[in-house]
Amino acid sequence: MLTRRFALALVAAAAVLPASLARAATALSSGTFTGASNHVTTGTATIAQEGEAHYVVLGDDFTFDGAPDPKVALGKDGYDASTLMGPLKSNTGRSQYEIPSSIDVSAYNEVWIWCERFNVPLGVAKLA
């Protein structure tokens, strides 16, 4: 049985899915970014599933103040370099990143924006 809070979170997460995913995708979890290492990172991150594929979806409200070499990854109470999905596509707005099928998304509770060049966090969204 879904709690009211969880049901509302799923509705909110579905609202930020890109049009290409919105019709068939299911929002599994979502969270709001907090900046790190003196960077401003805001907006929503959602883990979505479409068929067998999983995606990290950054919402329309996503903003990042910029840094060299920002990448998107997952974490479990901390950044996990083995989940790196590639470079951040845009510092603002909606974008999506396919999660490799070898990654068990249920094992992770965070989406990270990570500076690979300097090995520092730029932002993290705790997923619920």
C-alpha atoms as a PDB file:
ATOM      1  CA  MET A   1       0.000   0.000   0.000  1.00  0.00           C
ATOM      2  CA  LEU A   2       1.412   3.362  -1.036  1.00  0.00           C
ATOM      3  CA  THR A   3       1.554   6.132   1.485  1.00  0.00           C
ATOM      4  CA  ARG A   4       0.148   9.489   0.433  1.00  0.00           C
ATOM      5  CA  ARG A   5       3.635  11.065   0.551  1.00  0.00           C
ATOM      6  CA  PHE A   6       5.148   8.327  -1.633  1.00  0.00           C
ATOM      7  CA  ALA A   7       2.249   8.531  -4.108  1.00  0.00           C
ATOM      8  CA  LEU A   8       2.687  12.316  -4.372  1.00  0.00           C
ATOM      9  CA  ALA A   9       6.453  11.863  -4.902  1.00  0.00           C
ATOM     10  CA  LEU A  10       5.772   9.452  -7.776  1.00  0.00           C
ATOM     11  CA  VAL A  11       3.355  11.900  -9.378  1.00  0.00           C
ATOM     12  CA  ALA A  12       5.940  14.700  -9.055  1.00  0.00           C
ATOM     13  CA  ALA A  13       8.691  12.469 -10.466  1.00  0.00           C
ATOM     14  CA  ALA A  14       6.547  11.496 -13.451  1.00  0.00           C
ATOM     15  CA  ALA A  15       6.022  15.192 -14.203  1.00  0.00           C
ATOM     16  CA  VAL A  16       9.756  15.691 -14.836  1.00  0.00           C
ATOM     17  CA  LEU A  17      10.227  12.770 -17.226  1.00  0.00           C
ATOM     18  CA  PRO A  18      11.230  13.793 -20.740  1.00  0.00           C
ATOM     19  CA  ALA A  19       8.580  13.461 -23.421  1.00  0.00           C
ATOM     20  CA  SER A  20      10.497  10.542 -24.954  1.00  0.00           C
ATOM     21  CA  LEU A  21      10.111   8.621 -21.677  1.00  0.00           C
ATOM     22  CA  ALA A  22       6.933  10.088 -20.216  1.00  0.00           C
ATOM     23  CA  ARG A  23       4.482   7.852 -22.075  1.00  0.00           C
ATOM     24  CA  ALA A  24       5.885   4.425 -21.162  1.00  0.00           C
ATOM     25  CA  ALA A  25       8.315   5.106 -18.330  1.00  0.00           C
ATOM     26  CA  THR A  26       7.752   4.486 -14.661  1.00  0.00           C
ATOM     27  CA  ALA A  27       9.391   6.761 -12.084  1.00  0.00           C
ATOM     28  CA  LEU A  28      11.092   4.557  -9.485  1.00  0.00           C
ATOM     29  CA  SER A  29      12.578   7.228  -7.221  1.00  0.00           C
ATOM     30  CA  SER A  30      13.451  10.898  -7.226  1.00  0.00           C
ATOM     31  CA  GLY A  31      15.281  13.537  -5.242  1.00  0.00           C
ATOM     32  CA  THR A  32      16.401  17.144  -5.223  1.00  0.00           C
ATOM     33  CA  PHE A  33      19.992  18.220  -5.797  1.00  0.00           C
ATOM     34  CA  THR A  34      22.144  19.946  -3.220  1.00  0.00           C
ATOM     35  CA  GLY A  35      25.383  21.587  -4.353  1.00  0.00           C
ATOM     36  CA  ALA A  36      28.799  20.458  -3.140  1.00  0.00           C
ATOM     37  CA  SER A  37      32.385  21.768  -3.152  1.00  0.00           C
ATOM     38  CA  ASN A  38      31.113  25.362  -3.291  1.00  0.00           C
ATOM     39  CA  HIS A  39      29.038  24.672  -6.430  1.00  0.00           C
ATOM     40  CA  VAL A  40      25.373  25.458  -6.934  1.00  0.00           C
ATOM     41  CA  THR A  41      23.430  22.439  -8.183  1.00  0.00           C
ATOM     42  CA  THR A  42      19.629  22.456  -7.949  1.00  0.00           C
ATOM     43  CA  GLY A  43      16.621  20.693  -9.418  1.00  0.00           C
ATOM     44  CA  THR A  44      15.222  17.199  -9.615  1.00  0.00           C
ATOM     45  CA  ALA A  45      16.766  13.851 -10.494  1.00  0.00           C
ATOM     46  CA  THR A  46      14.572  10.826 -11.214  1.00  0.00           C
ATOM     47  CA  ILE A  47      15.376   7.174 -11.779  1.00  0.00           C
ATOM     48  CA  ALA A  48      12.944   5.936 -14.439  1.00  0.00           C
ATOM     49  CA  GLN A  49      12.334   2.569 -16.038  1.00  0.00           C
ATOM     50  CA  GLU A  50      11.052   1.929 -19.553  1.00  0.00           C
ATOM     51  CA  GLY A  51      10.801  -1.756 -20.361  1.00  0.00           C
ATOM     52  CA  GLU A  52      14.070  -3.294 -19.214  1.00  0.00           C
ATOM     53  CA  ALA A  53      16.025  -0.016 -19.520  1.00  0.00           C
ATOM     54  CA  HIS A  54      16.699   2.389 -16.635  1.00  0.00           C
ATOM     55  CA  TYR A  55      17.536   6.085 -16.904  1.00  0.00           C
ATOM     56  CA  VAL A  56      18.676   8.994 -14.790  1.00  0.00           C
ATOM     57  CA  VAL A  57      16.477  11.919 -15.782  1.00  0.00           C
ATOM     58  CA  LEU A  58      17.432  15.452 -14.789  1.00  0.00           C
ATOM     59  CA  GLY A  59      14.308  17.613 -14.704  1.00  0.00           C
ATOM     60  CA  ASP A  60      13.397  20.836 -16.446  1.00  0.00           C
ATOM     61  CA  ASP A  61      14.291  22.567 -13.176  1.00  0.00           C
ATOM     62  CA  PHE A  62      17.901  21.292 -13.148  1.00  0.00           C
ATOM     63  CA  THR A  63      20.641  23.950 -12.903  1.00  0.00           C
ATOM     64  CA  PHE A  64      24.371  23.696 -12.358  1.00  0.00           C
ATOM     65  CA  ASP A  65      26.791  26.640 -12.089  1.00  0.00           C
ATOM     66  CA  GLY A  66      29.484  24.956 -14.184  1.00  0.00           C
ATOM     67  CA  ALA A  67      32.841  23.263 -13.633  1.00  0.00           C
ATOM     68  CA  PRO A  68      35.366  21.360 -15.686  1.00  0.00           C
ATOM     69  CA  ASP A  69      34.593  17.720 -16.514  1.00  0.00           C
ATOM     70  CA  PRO A  70      31.185  17.204 -14.812  1.00  0.00           C
ATOM     71  CA  LYS A  71      29.896  13.627 -15.043  1.00  0.00           C
ATOM     72  CA  VAL A  72      26.686  11.865 -13.982  1.00  0.00           C
ATOM     73  CA  ALA A  73      26.863   8.825 -11.704  1.00  0.00           C
ATOM     74  CA  LEU A  74      25.049   6.970  -8.952  1.00  0.00           C
ATOM     75  CA  GLY A  75      25.972   6.402  -5.331  1.00  0.00           C
ATOM     76  CA  LYS A  76      24.995   4.512  -2.207  1.00  0.00           C
ATOM     77  CA  ASP A  77      25.650   6.924   0.650  1.00  0.00           C
ATOM     78  CA  GLY A  78      28.614   8.167  -1.395  1.00  0.00           C
ATOM     79  CA  TYR A  79      29.826   8.408  -4.984  1.00  0.00           C
ATOM     80  CA  ASP A  80      30.476   5.138  -6.867  1.00  0.00           C
ATOM     81  CA  ALA A  81      32.874   5.624  -9.802  1.00  0.00           C
ATOM     82  CA  SER A  82      31.819   2.293 -11.336  1.00  0.00           C
ATOM     83  CA  THR A  83      28.400   3.804 -12.162  1.00  0.00           C
ATOM     84  CA  LEU A  84      29.680   6.700 -14.271  1.00  0.00           C
ATOM     85  CA  MET A  85      27.255   7.319 -17.162  1.00  0.00           C
ATOM     86  CA  GLY A  86      29.120  10.016 -19.026  1.00  0.00           C
ATOM     87  CA  PRO A  87      29.478  13.784 -19.242  1.00  0.00           C
ATOM     88  CA  LEU A  88      26.764  16.159 -18.097  1.00  0.00           C
ATOM     89  CA  LYS A  89      24.929  17.066 -21.317  1.00  0.00           C
ATOM     90  CA  SER A  90      23.751  20.513 -20.221  1.00  0.00           C
ATOM     91  CA  ASN A  91      24.135  22.828 -17.232  1.00  0.00           C
ATOM     92  CA  THR A  92      20.413  23.598 -17.308  1.00  0.00           C
ATOM     93  CA  GLY A  93      17.192  21.815 -18.050  1.00  0.00           C
ATOM     94  CA  ARG A  94      16.085  18.337 -18.895  1.00  0.00           C
ATOM     95  CA  SER A  95      18.463  15.572 -19.942  1.00  0.00           C
ATOM     96  CA  GLN A  96      18.602  11.813 -19.577  1.00  0.00           C
ATOM     97  CA  TYR A  97      21.310   9.200 -19.154  1.00  0.00           C
ATOM     98  CA  GLU A  98      20.855   5.488 -19.753  1.00  0.00           C
ATOM     99  CA  ILE A  99      22.025   3.394 -16.829  1.00  0.00           C
ATOM    100  CA  PRO A 100      24.063   0.395 -18.012  1.00  0.00           C
ATOM    101  CA  SER A 101      22.128  -2.864 -17.647  1.00  0.00           C
ATOM    102  CA  SER A 102      24.942  -4.266 -15.492  1.00  0.00           C
ATOM    103  CA  ILE A 103      24.028  -1.799 -12.712  1.00  0.00           C
ATOM    104  CA  ASP A 104      21.360  -2.805 -10.179  1.00  0.00           C
ATOM    105  CA  VAL A 105      19.556   0.511  -9.686  1.00  0.00           C
ATOM    106  CA  SER A 106      17.882  -0.734  -6.510  1.00  0.00           C
ATOM    107  CA  ALA A 107      21.322  -0.803  -4.842  1.00  0.00           C
ATOM    108  CA  TYR A 108      21.739   2.998  -5.125  1.00  0.00           C
ATOM    109  CA  ASN A 109      20.125   5.913  -3.304  1.00  0.00           C
ATOM    110  CA  GLU A 110      21.799   8.964  -4.877  1.00  0.00           C
ATOM    111  CA  VAL A 111      22.465  10.679  -8.212  1.00  0.00           C
ATOM    112  CA  TRP A 112      25.806  12.500  -8.356  1.00  0.00           C
ATOM    113  CA  ILE A 113      27.250  15.257 -10.501  1.00  0.00           C
ATOM    114  CA  TRP A 114      30.976  14.591 -10.157  1.00  0.00           C
ATOM    115  CA  CYS A 115      34.092  16.419 -11.371  1.00  0.00           C
ATOM    116  CA  GLU A 116      36.248  13.599 -12.635  1.00  0.00           C
ATOM    117  CA  ARG A 117      39.229  15.870 -13.376  1.00  0.00           C
ATOM    118  CA  PHE A 118      39.551  17.082  -9.775  1.00  0.00           C
ATOM    119  CA  ASN A 119      37.850  14.090  -8.117  1.00  0.00           C
ATOM    120  CA  VAL A 120      35.313  16.201  -6.180  1.00  0.00           C
ATOM    121  CA  PRO A 121      31.513  16.213  -5.870  1.00  0.00           C
ATOM    122  CA  LEU A 122      29.590  19.009  -7.564  1.00  0.00           C
ATOM    123  CA  GLY A 123      26.091  18.030  -6.455  1.00  0.00           C
ATOM    124  CA  VAL A 124      24.081  15.120  -5.107  1.00  0.00           C
ATOM    125  CA  ALA A 125      20.381  14.230  -5.129  1.00  0.00           C
ATOM    126  CA  LYS A 126      19.251  11.858  -2.358  1.00  0.00           C
ATOM    127  CA  LEU A 127      16.633   9.518  -3.826  1.00  0.00           C
ATOM    128  CA  ALA A 128      13.440   8.437  -2.096  1.00  0.00           C
END
